[in-house]
Amino acid sequence: MVAGWIAASGLAGFILMGVDKSRALDRARRVPEKTFFSLALAGGAIGILVLSGVFHHTTRKDSFMGVIIVLFIIWIAVLVAFVRYFGAP
């Protein structure tokens, strides 16, 4: 169940980064950073990190990437603690 949540939110993060990249290229209204941070907090940090690395999107903005990386690390720590406490799924 947790793996499904992480996969779904990661896919949502990946898609949202793709939408934002497309809007950036079209010079259209962008997706707010707050939306990315909320999604990353919900578990989508991996999708956001993957797409930003693949398409070099927002990788130069250290403050944005720093928050996403911290949220990713927090999710890893939560998952490790979950596995230690409840055992492997």
PDB file of N, CA and C in Angstrom:
ATOM      1  N   MET A   1       0.816  -1.189   0.000  1.00  0.00           N
ATOM      2  CA  MET A   1       0.000   0.000   0.000  1.00  0.00           C
ATOM      3  C   MET A   1       0.866   1.262   0.000  1.00  0.00           C
ATOM      4  N   VAL A   2       1.889   1.274   0.844  1.00  0.00           N
ATOM      5  CA  VAL A   2       2.789   2.428   0.894  1.00  0.00           C
ATOM      6  C   VAL A   2       3.535   2.561  -0.431  1.00  0.00           C
ATOM      7  N   ALA A   3       3.965   1.438  -0.978  1.00  0.00           N
ATOM      8  CA  ALA A   3       4.674   1.474  -2.255  1.00  0.00           C
ATOM      9  C   ALA A   3       3.781   2.031  -3.363  1.00  0.00           C
ATOM     10  N   GLY A   4       2.507   1.657  -3.335  1.00  0.00           N
ATOM     11  CA  GLY A   4       1.554   2.185  -4.319  1.00  0.00           C
ATOM     12  C   GLY A   4       1.382   3.682  -4.186  1.00  0.00           C
ATOM     13  N   TRP A   5       1.321   4.162  -2.945  1.00  0.00           N
ATOM     14  CA  TRP A   5       1.195   5.600  -2.692  1.00  0.00           C
ATOM     15  C   TRP A   5       2.412   6.343  -3.238  1.00  0.00           C
ATOM     16  N   ILE A   6       3.604   5.829  -2.935  1.00  0.00           N
ATOM     17  CA  ILE A   6       4.841   6.468  -3.397  1.00  0.00           C
ATOM     18  C   ILE A   6       4.896   6.443  -4.928  1.00  0.00           C
ATOM     19  N   ALA A   7       4.514   5.326  -5.529  1.00  0.00           N
ATOM     20  CA  ALA A   7       4.529   5.228  -6.987  1.00  0.00           C
ATOM     21  C   ALA A   7       3.546   6.211  -7.623  1.00  0.00           C
ATOM     22  N   ALA A   8       2.340   6.295  -7.076  1.00  0.00           N
ATOM     23  CA  ALA A   8       1.324   7.200  -7.633  1.00  0.00           C
ATOM     24  C   ALA A   8       1.723   8.663  -7.458  1.00  0.00           C
ATOM     25  N   SER A   9       2.201   9.019  -6.277  1.00  0.00           N
ATOM     26  CA  SER A   9       2.592  10.413  -6.060  1.00  0.00           C
ATOM     27  C   SER A   9       3.861  10.750  -6.840  1.00  0.00           C
ATOM     28  N   GLY A  10       4.749   9.784  -7.007  1.00  0.00           N
ATOM     29  CA  GLY A  10       5.945  10.000  -7.833  1.00  0.00           C
ATOM     30  C   GLY A  10       5.580  10.230  -9.290  1.00  0.00           C
ATOM     31  N   LEU A  11       4.620   9.448  -9.783  1.00  0.00           N
ATOM     32  CA  LEU A  11       4.144   9.632 -11.153  1.00  0.00           C
ATOM     33  C   LEU A  11       3.467  10.997 -11.309  1.00  0.00           C
ATOM     34  N   ALA A  12       2.695  11.393 -10.307  1.00  0.00           N
ATOM     35  CA  ALA A  12       2.049  12.713 -10.341  1.00  0.00           C
ATOM     36  C   ALA A  12       3.102  13.826 -10.360  1.00  0.00           C
ATOM     37  N   GLY A  13       4.151  13.671  -9.569  1.00  0.00           N
ATOM     38  CA  GLY A  13       5.232  14.657  -9.573  1.00  0.00           C
ATOM     39  C   GLY A  13       5.932  14.721 -10.917  1.00  0.00           C
ATOM     40  N   PHE A  14       6.155  13.557 -11.509  1.00  0.00           N
ATOM     41  CA  PHE A  14       6.790  13.475 -12.818  1.00  0.00           C
ATOM     42  C   PHE A  14       5.946  14.192 -13.868  1.00  0.00           C
ATOM     43  N   ILE A  15       4.643  13.914 -13.860  1.00  0.00           N
ATOM     44  CA  ILE A  15       3.730  14.529 -14.832  1.00  0.00           C
ATOM     45  C   ILE A  15       3.647  16.034 -14.621  1.00  0.00           C
ATOM     46  N   LEU A  16       3.545  16.463 -13.360  1.00  0.00           N
ATOM     47  CA  LEU A  16       3.448  17.893 -13.073  1.00  0.00           C
ATOM     48  C   LEU A  16       4.707  18.637 -13.508  1.00  0.00           C
ATOM     49  N   MET A  17       5.865  18.024 -13.333  1.00  0.00           N
ATOM     50  CA  MET A  17       7.107  18.664 -13.799  1.00  0.00           C
ATOM     51  C   MET A  17       7.107  18.759 -15.325  1.00  0.00           C
ATOM     52  N   GLY A  18       6.574  17.739 -15.993  1.00  0.00           N
ATOM     53  CA  GLY A  18       6.477  17.783 -17.454  1.00  0.00           C
ATOM     54  C   GLY A  18       5.553  18.892 -17.921  1.00  0.00           C
ATOM     55  N   VAL A  19       4.433  19.059 -17.225  1.00  0.00           N
ATOM     56  CA  VAL A  19       3.497  20.136 -17.556  1.00  0.00           C
ATOM     57  C   VAL A  19       4.181  21.490 -17.366  1.00  0.00           C
ATOM     58  N   ASP A  20       4.887  21.647 -16.254  1.00  0.00           N
ATOM     59  CA  ASP A  20       5.562  22.914 -15.980  1.00  0.00           C
ATOM     60  C   ASP A  20       6.655  23.192 -17.004  1.00  0.00           C
ATOM     61  N   LYS A  21       7.395  22.156 -17.401  1.00  0.00           N
ATOM     62  CA  LYS A  21       8.440  22.326 -18.420  1.00  0.00           C
ATOM     63  C   LYS A  21       7.822  22.780 -19.741  1.00  0.00           C
ATOM     64  N   SER A  22       6.713  22.172 -20.111  1.00  0.00           N
ATOM     65  CA  SER A  22       6.027  22.551 -21.342  1.00  0.00           C
ATOM     66  C   SER A  22       5.556  24.001 -21.277  1.00  0.00           C
ATOM     67  N   ARG A  23       4.980  24.375 -20.131  1.00  0.00           N
ATOM     68  CA  ARG A  23       4.528  25.761 -19.966  1.00  0.00           C
ATOM     69  C   ARG A  23       5.705  26.731 -19.998  1.00  0.00           C
ATOM     70  N   ALA A  24       6.824  26.341 -19.443  1.00  0.00           N
ATOM     71  CA  ALA A  24       8.002  27.207 -19.459  1.00  0.00           C
ATOM     72  C   ALA A  24       8.471  27.449 -20.889  1.00  0.00           C
ATOM     73  N   LEU A  25       8.475  26.399 -21.690  1.00  0.00           N
ATOM     74  CA  LEU A  25       8.906  26.538 -23.085  1.00  0.00           C
ATOM     75  C   LEU A  25       7.939  27.400 -23.895  1.00  0.00           C
ATOM     76  N   ASP A  26       6.642  27.329 -23.534  1.00  0.00           N
ATOM     77  CA  ASP A  26       5.621  28.123 -24.228  1.00  0.00           C
ATOM     78  C   ASP A  26       5.464  29.520 -23.636  1.00  0.00           C
ATOM     79  N   ARG A  27       6.248  29.808 -22.587  1.00  0.00           N
ATOM     80  CA  ARG A  27       6.151  31.076 -21.862  1.00  0.00           C
ATOM     81  C   ARG A  27       4.733  31.316 -21.328  1.00  0.00           C
ATOM     82  N   ALA A  28       4.087  30.244 -20.906  1.00  0.00           N
ATOM     83  CA  ALA A  28       2.743  30.306 -20.334  1.00  0.00           C
ATOM     84  C   ALA A  28       2.839  30.370 -18.811  1.00  0.00           C
ATOM     85  N   ARG A  29       1.710  30.502 -18.159  1.00  0.00           N
ATOM     86  CA  ARG A  29       1.669  30.560 -16.697  1.00  0.00           C
ATOM     87  C   ARG A  29       2.208  29.253 -16.122  1.00  0.00           C
ATOM     88  N   ARG A  30       3.135  29.360 -15.179  1.00  0.00           N
ATOM     89  CA  ARG A  30       3.832  28.206 -14.612  1.00  0.00           C
ATOM     90  C   ARG A  30       3.097  27.620 -13.414  1.00  0.00           C
ATOM     91  N   VAL A  31       3.457  26.415 -13.066  1.00  0.00           N
ATOM     92  CA  VAL A  31       2.932  25.767 -11.872  1.00  0.00           C
ATOM     93  C   VAL A  31       3.645  26.371 -10.661  1.00  0.00           C
ATOM     94  N   PRO A  32       2.910  26.815  -9.641  1.00  0.00           N
ATOM     95  CA  PRO A  32       3.557  27.425  -8.476  1.00  0.00           C
ATOM     96  C   PRO A  32       4.452  26.441  -7.722  1.00  0.00           C
ATOM     97  N   GLU A  33       5.554  26.948  -7.164  1.00  0.00           N
ATOM     98  CA  GLU A  33       6.465  26.101  -6.398  1.00  0.00           C
ATOM     99  C   GLU A  33       5.739  25.455  -5.224  1.00  0.00           C
ATOM    100  N   LYS A  34       4.805  26.171  -4.631  1.00  0.00           N
ATOM    101  CA  LYS A  34       4.052  25.646  -3.493  1.00  0.00           C
ATOM    102  C   LYS A  34       3.364  24.331  -3.860  1.00  0.00           C
ATOM    103  N   THR A  35       2.905  24.220  -5.086  1.00  0.00           N
ATOM    104  CA  THR A  35       2.252  22.995  -5.550  1.00  0.00           C
ATOM    105  C   THR A  35       3.261  21.845  -5.586  1.00  0.00           C
ATOM    106  N   PHE A  36       4.463  22.132  -6.079  1.00  0.00           N
ATOM    107  CA  PHE A  36       5.504  21.098  -6.107  1.00  0.00           C
ATOM    108  C   PHE A  36       5.903  20.674  -4.698  1.00  0.00           C
ATOM    109  N   PHE A  37       6.032  21.649  -3.797  1.00  0.00           N
ATOM    110  CA  PHE A  37       6.419  21.325  -2.426  1.00  0.00           C
ATOM    111  C   PHE A  37       5.355  20.478  -1.743  1.00  0.00           C
ATOM    112  N   SER A  38       4.099  20.801  -1.977  1.00  0.00           N
ATOM    113  CA  SER A  38       3.004  20.018  -1.391  1.00  0.00           C
ATOM    114  C   SER A  38       3.013  18.589  -1.920  1.00  0.00           C
ATOM    115  N   LEU A  39       3.201  18.451  -3.206  1.00  0.00           N
ATOM    116  CA  LEU A  39       3.242  17.122  -3.803  1.00  0.00           C
ATOM    117  C   LEU A  39       4.462  16.333  -3.321  1.00  0.00           C
ATOM    118  N   ALA A  40       5.596  16.993  -3.194  1.00  0.00           N
ATOM    119  CA  ALA A  40       6.800  16.327  -2.698  1.00  0.00           C
ATOM    120  C   ALA A  40       6.601  15.870  -1.259  1.00  0.00           C
ATOM    121  N   LEU A  41       5.954  16.694  -0.462  1.00  0.00           N
ATOM    122  CA  LEU A  41       5.672  16.339   0.921  1.00  0.00           C
ATOM    123  C   LEU A  41       4.740  15.136   0.984  1.00  0.00           C
ATOM    124  N   ALA A  42       3.850  15.017   0.018  1.00  0.00           N
ATOM    125  CA  ALA A  42       2.912  13.894  -0.035  1.00  0.00           C
ATOM    126  C   ALA A  42       3.552  12.617  -0.583  1.00  0.00           C
ATOM    127  N   GLY A  43       4.819  12.689  -0.998  1.00  0.00           N
ATOM    128  CA  GLY A  43       5.516  11.502  -1.476  1.00  0.00           C
ATOM    129  C   GLY A  43       5.996  11.576  -2.914  1.00  0.00           C
ATOM    130  N   GLY A  44       5.744  12.678  -3.600  1.00  0.00           N
ATOM    131  CA  GLY A  44       6.094  12.781  -5.011  1.00  0.00           C
ATOM    132  C   GLY A  44       7.477  13.326  -5.303  1.00  0.00           C
ATOM    133  N   ALA A  45       8.315  13.417  -4.280  1.00  0.00           N
ATOM    134  CA  ALA A  45       9.647  14.004  -4.469  1.00  0.00           C
ATOM    135  C   ALA A  45      10.472  13.230  -5.493  1.00  0.00           C
ATOM    136  N   ILE A  46      10.370  11.916  -5.516  1.00  0.00           N
ATOM    137  CA  ILE A  46      11.173  11.123  -6.446  1.00  0.00           C
ATOM    138  C   ILE A  46      10.820  11.439  -7.893  1.00  0.00           C
ATOM    139  N   GLY A  47       9.544  11.574  -8.208  1.00  0.00           N
ATOM    140  CA  GLY A  47       9.140  11.914  -9.575  1.00  0.00           C
ATOM    141  C   GLY A  47       9.630  13.291  -9.978  1.00  0.00           C
ATOM    142  N   ILE A  48       9.563  14.233  -9.047  1.00  0.00           N
ATOM    143  CA  ILE A  48      10.032  15.587  -9.314  1.00  0.00           C
ATOM    144  C   ILE A  48      11.542  15.589  -9.550  1.00  0.00           C
ATOM    145  N   LEU A  49      12.277  14.853  -8.724  1.00  0.00           N
ATOM    146  CA  LEU A  49      13.728  14.781  -8.889  1.00  0.00           C
ATOM    147  C   LEU A  49      14.121  14.120 -10.204  1.00  0.00           C
ATOM    148  N   VAL A  50      13.446  13.039 -10.548  1.00  0.00           N
ATOM    149  CA  VAL A  50      13.781  12.320 -11.784  1.00  0.00           C
ATOM    150  C   VAL A  50      13.558  13.202 -13.003  1.00  0.00           C
ATOM    151  N   LEU A  51      12.385  13.818 -13.098  1.00  0.00           N
ATOM    152  CA  LEU A  51      12.110  14.621 -14.284  1.00  0.00           C
ATOM    153  C   LEU A  51      12.995  15.855 -14.345  1.00  0.00           C
ATOM    154  N   SER A  52      13.258  16.488 -13.211  1.00  0.00           N
ATOM    155  CA  SER A  52      14.107  17.669 -13.250  1.00  0.00           C
ATOM    156  C   SER A  52      15.523  17.288 -13.687  1.00  0.00           C
ATOM    157  N   GLY A  53      15.958  16.092 -13.337  1.00  0.00           N
ATOM    158  CA  GLY A  53      17.269  15.642 -13.786  1.00  0.00           C
ATOM    159  C   GLY A  53      17.294  15.255 -15.255  1.00  0.00           C
ATOM    160  N   VAL A  54      16.251  14.590 -15.712  1.00  0.00           N
ATOM    161  CA  VAL A  54      16.179  14.135 -17.098  1.00  0.00           C
ATOM    162  C   VAL A  54      16.087  15.317 -18.068  1.00  0.00           C
ATOM    163  N   PHE A  55      15.235  16.276 -17.737  1.00  0.00           N
ATOM    164  CA  PHE A  55      15.014  17.401 -18.638  1.00  0.00           C
ATOM    165  C   PHE A  55      15.716  18.684 -18.207  1.00  0.00           C
ATOM    166  N   HIS A  56      16.562  18.593 -17.184  1.00  0.00           N
ATOM    167  CA  HIS A  56      17.296  19.762 -16.682  1.00  0.00           C
ATOM    168  C   HIS A  56      16.347  20.916 -16.393  1.00  0.00           C
ATOM    169  N   HIS A  57      15.251  20.588 -15.730  1.00  0.00           N
ATOM    170  CA  HIS A  57      14.228  21.590 -15.425  1.00  0.00           C
ATOM    171  C   HIS A  57      14.342  21.995 -13.964  1.00  0.00           C
ATOM    172  N   THR A  58      14.504  23.259 -13.694  1.00  0.00           N
ATOM    173  CA  THR A  58      14.667  23.868 -12.370  1.00  0.00           C
ATOM    174  C   THR A  58      15.898  23.372 -11.625  1.00  0.00           C
ATOM    175  N   THR A  59      16.840  22.760 -12.323  1.00  0.00           N
ATOM    176  CA  THR A  59      18.026  22.251 -11.644  1.00  0.00           C
ATOM    177  C   THR A  59      18.979  23.366 -11.237  1.00  0.00           C
ATOM    178  N   ARG A  60      18.863  24.530 -11.817  1.00  0.00           N
ATOM    179  CA  ARG A  60      19.734  25.653 -11.458  1.00  0.00           C
ATOM    180  C   ARG A  60      19.209  26.447 -10.271  1.00  0.00           C
ATOM    181  N   LYS A  61      17.991  26.189  -9.885  1.00  0.00           N
ATOM    182  CA  LYS A  61      17.388  26.917  -8.772  1.00  0.00           C
ATOM    183  C   LYS A  61      17.663  26.144  -7.481  1.00  0.00           C
ATOM    184  N   ASP A  62      18.748  26.511  -6.809  1.00  0.00           N
ATOM    185  CA  ASP A  62      19.209  25.764  -5.644  1.00  0.00           C
ATOM    186  C   ASP A  62      18.186  25.706  -4.517  1.00  0.00           C
ATOM    187  N   SER A  63      17.471  26.805  -4.279  1.00  0.00           N
ATOM    188  CA  SER A  63      16.506  26.811  -3.177  1.00  0.00           C
ATOM    189  C   SER A  63      15.380  25.807  -3.432  1.00  0.00           C
ATOM    190  N   PHE A  64      14.901  25.734  -4.661  1.00  0.00           N
ATOM    191  CA  PHE A  64      13.838  24.793  -5.013  1.00  0.00           C
ATOM    192  C   PHE A  64      14.341  23.364  -4.874  1.00  0.00           C
ATOM    193  N   MET A  65      15.466  23.073  -5.483  1.00  0.00           N
ATOM    194  CA  MET A  65      15.997  21.709  -5.448  1.00  0.00           C
ATOM    195  C   MET A  65      16.373  21.304  -4.030  1.00  0.00           C
ATOM    196  N   GLY A  66      16.843  22.244  -3.230  1.00  0.00           N
ATOM    197  CA  GLY A  66      17.194  21.936  -1.843  1.00  0.00           C
ATOM    198  C   GLY A  66      15.992  21.448  -1.055  1.00  0.00           C
ATOM    199  N   VAL A  67      14.869  22.129  -1.208  1.00  0.00           N
ATOM    200  CA  VAL A  67      13.642  21.725  -0.504  1.00  0.00           C
ATOM    201  C   VAL A  67      13.187  20.353  -0.986  1.00  0.00           C
ATOM    202  N   ILE A  68      13.212  20.130  -2.283  1.00  0.00           N
ATOM    203  CA  ILE A  68      12.777  18.837  -2.838  1.00  0.00           C
ATOM    204  C   ILE A  68      13.688  17.712  -2.346  1.00  0.00           C
ATOM    205  N   ILE A  69      14.979  17.940  -2.326  1.00  0.00           N
ATOM    206  CA  ILE A  69      15.924  16.918  -1.859  1.00  0.00           C
ATOM    207  C   ILE A  69      15.717  16.620  -0.380  1.00  0.00           C
ATOM    208  N   VAL A  70      15.505  17.654   0.427  1.00  0.00           N
ATOM    209  CA  VAL A  70      15.239  17.438   1.855  1.00  0.00           C
ATOM    210  C   VAL A  70      13.963  16.619   2.047  1.00  0.00           C
ATOM    211  N   LEU A  71      12.922  16.943   1.298  1.00  0.00           N
ATOM    212  CA  LEU A  71      11.674  16.176   1.406  1.00  0.00           C
ATOM    213  C   LEU A  71      11.866  14.729   0.942  1.00  0.00           C
ATOM    214  N   PHE A  72      12.692  14.530  -0.074  1.00  0.00           N
ATOM    215  CA  PHE A  72      13.003  13.176  -0.534  1.00  0.00           C
ATOM    216  C   PHE A  72      13.720  12.394   0.567  1.00  0.00           C
ATOM    217  N   ILE A  73      14.687  13.018   1.201  1.00  0.00           N
ATOM    218  CA  ILE A  73      15.438  12.363   2.284  1.00  0.00           C
ATOM    219  C   ILE A  73      14.509  12.029   3.453  1.00  0.00           C
ATOM    220  N   ILE A  74      13.602  12.948   3.767  1.00  0.00           N
ATOM    221  CA  ILE A  74      12.640  12.682   4.838  1.00  0.00           C
ATOM    222  C   ILE A  74      11.783  11.465   4.488  1.00  0.00           C
ATOM    223  N   TRP A  75      11.329  11.372   3.241  1.00  0.00           N
ATOM    224  CA  TRP A  75      10.522  10.220   2.833  1.00  0.00           C
ATOM    225  C   TRP A  75      11.323   8.927   2.925  1.00  0.00           C
ATOM    226  N   ILE A  76      12.578   8.971   2.549  1.00  0.00           N
ATOM    227  CA  ILE A  76      13.422   7.771   2.670  1.00  0.00           C
ATOM    228  C   ILE A  76      13.530   7.360   4.134  1.00  0.00           C
ATOM    229  N   ALA A  77      13.747   8.332   5.014  1.00  0.00           N
ATOM    230  CA  ALA A  77      13.850   8.044   6.446  1.00  0.00           C
ATOM    231  C   ALA A  77      12.547   7.464   6.990  1.00  0.00           C
ATOM    232  N   VAL A  78      11.426   8.010   6.552  1.00  0.00           N
ATOM    233  CA  VAL A  78      10.125   7.494   6.984  1.00  0.00           C
ATOM    234  C   VAL A  78       9.942   6.055   6.511  1.00  0.00           C
ATOM    235  N   LEU A  79      10.305   5.788   5.282  1.00  0.00           N
ATOM    236  CA  LEU A  79      10.161   4.422   4.758  1.00  0.00           C
ATOM    237  C   LEU A  79      11.070   3.436   5.484  1.00  0.00           C
ATOM    238  N   VAL A  80      12.296   3.849   5.765  1.00  0.00           N
ATOM    239  CA  VAL A  80      13.222   2.983   6.509  1.00  0.00           C
ATOM    240  C   VAL A  80      12.669   2.703   7.900  1.00  0.00           C
ATOM    241  N   ALA A  81      12.175   3.740   8.569  1.00  0.00           N
ATOM    242  CA  ALA A  81      11.595   3.561   9.902  1.00  0.00           C
ATOM    243  C   ALA A  81      10.373   2.655   9.837  1.00  0.00           C
ATOM    244  N   PHE A  82       9.550   2.829   8.816  1.00  0.00           N
ATOM    245  CA  PHE A  82       8.361   2.001   8.632  1.00  0.00           C
ATOM    246  C   PHE A  82       8.740   0.535   8.487  1.00  0.00           C
ATOM    247  N   VAL A  83       9.734   0.256   7.662  1.00  0.00           N
ATOM    248  CA  VAL A  83      10.179  -1.130   7.432  1.00  0.00           C
ATOM    249  C   VAL A  83      10.775  -1.706   8.712  1.00  0.00           C
ATOM    250  N   ARG A  84      11.554  -0.905   9.445  1.00  0.00           N
ATOM    251  CA  ARG A  84      12.143  -1.401  10.685  1.00  0.00           C
ATOM    252  C   ARG A  84      11.079  -1.697  11.718  1.00  0.00           C
ATOM    253  N   TYR A  85      10.056  -0.866  11.796  1.00  0.00           N
ATOM    254  CA  TYR A  85       9.027  -1.031  12.813  1.00  0.00           C
ATOM    255  C   TYR A  85       8.036  -2.132  12.437  1.00  0.00           C
ATOM    256  N   PHE A  86       7.563  -2.134  11.201  1.00  0.00           N
ATOM    257  CA  PHE A  86       6.532  -3.081  10.782  1.00  0.00           C
ATOM    258  C   PHE A  86       7.071  -4.269  10.020  1.00  0.00           C
ATOM    259  N   GLY A  87       8.305  -4.219   9.587  1.00  0.00           N
ATOM    260  CA  GLY A  87       8.862  -5.286   8.763  1.00  0.00           C
ATOM    261  C   GLY A  87       8.644  -5.005   7.291  1.00  0.00           C
ATOM    262  N   ALA A  88       9.353  -5.725   6.468  1.00  0.00           N
ATOM    263  CA  ALA A  88       9.236  -5.534   5.013  1.00  0.00           C
ATOM    264  C   ALA A  88       7.856  -5.964   4.540  1.00  0.00           C
ATOM    265  N   PRO A  89       7.293  -5.234   3.577  1.00  0.00           N
ATOM    266  CA  PRO A  89       5.951  -5.595   3.082  1.00  0.00           C
ATOM    267  C   PRO A  89       5.938  -6.920   2.353  1.00  0.00           C
TER     268      PRO A  89
END
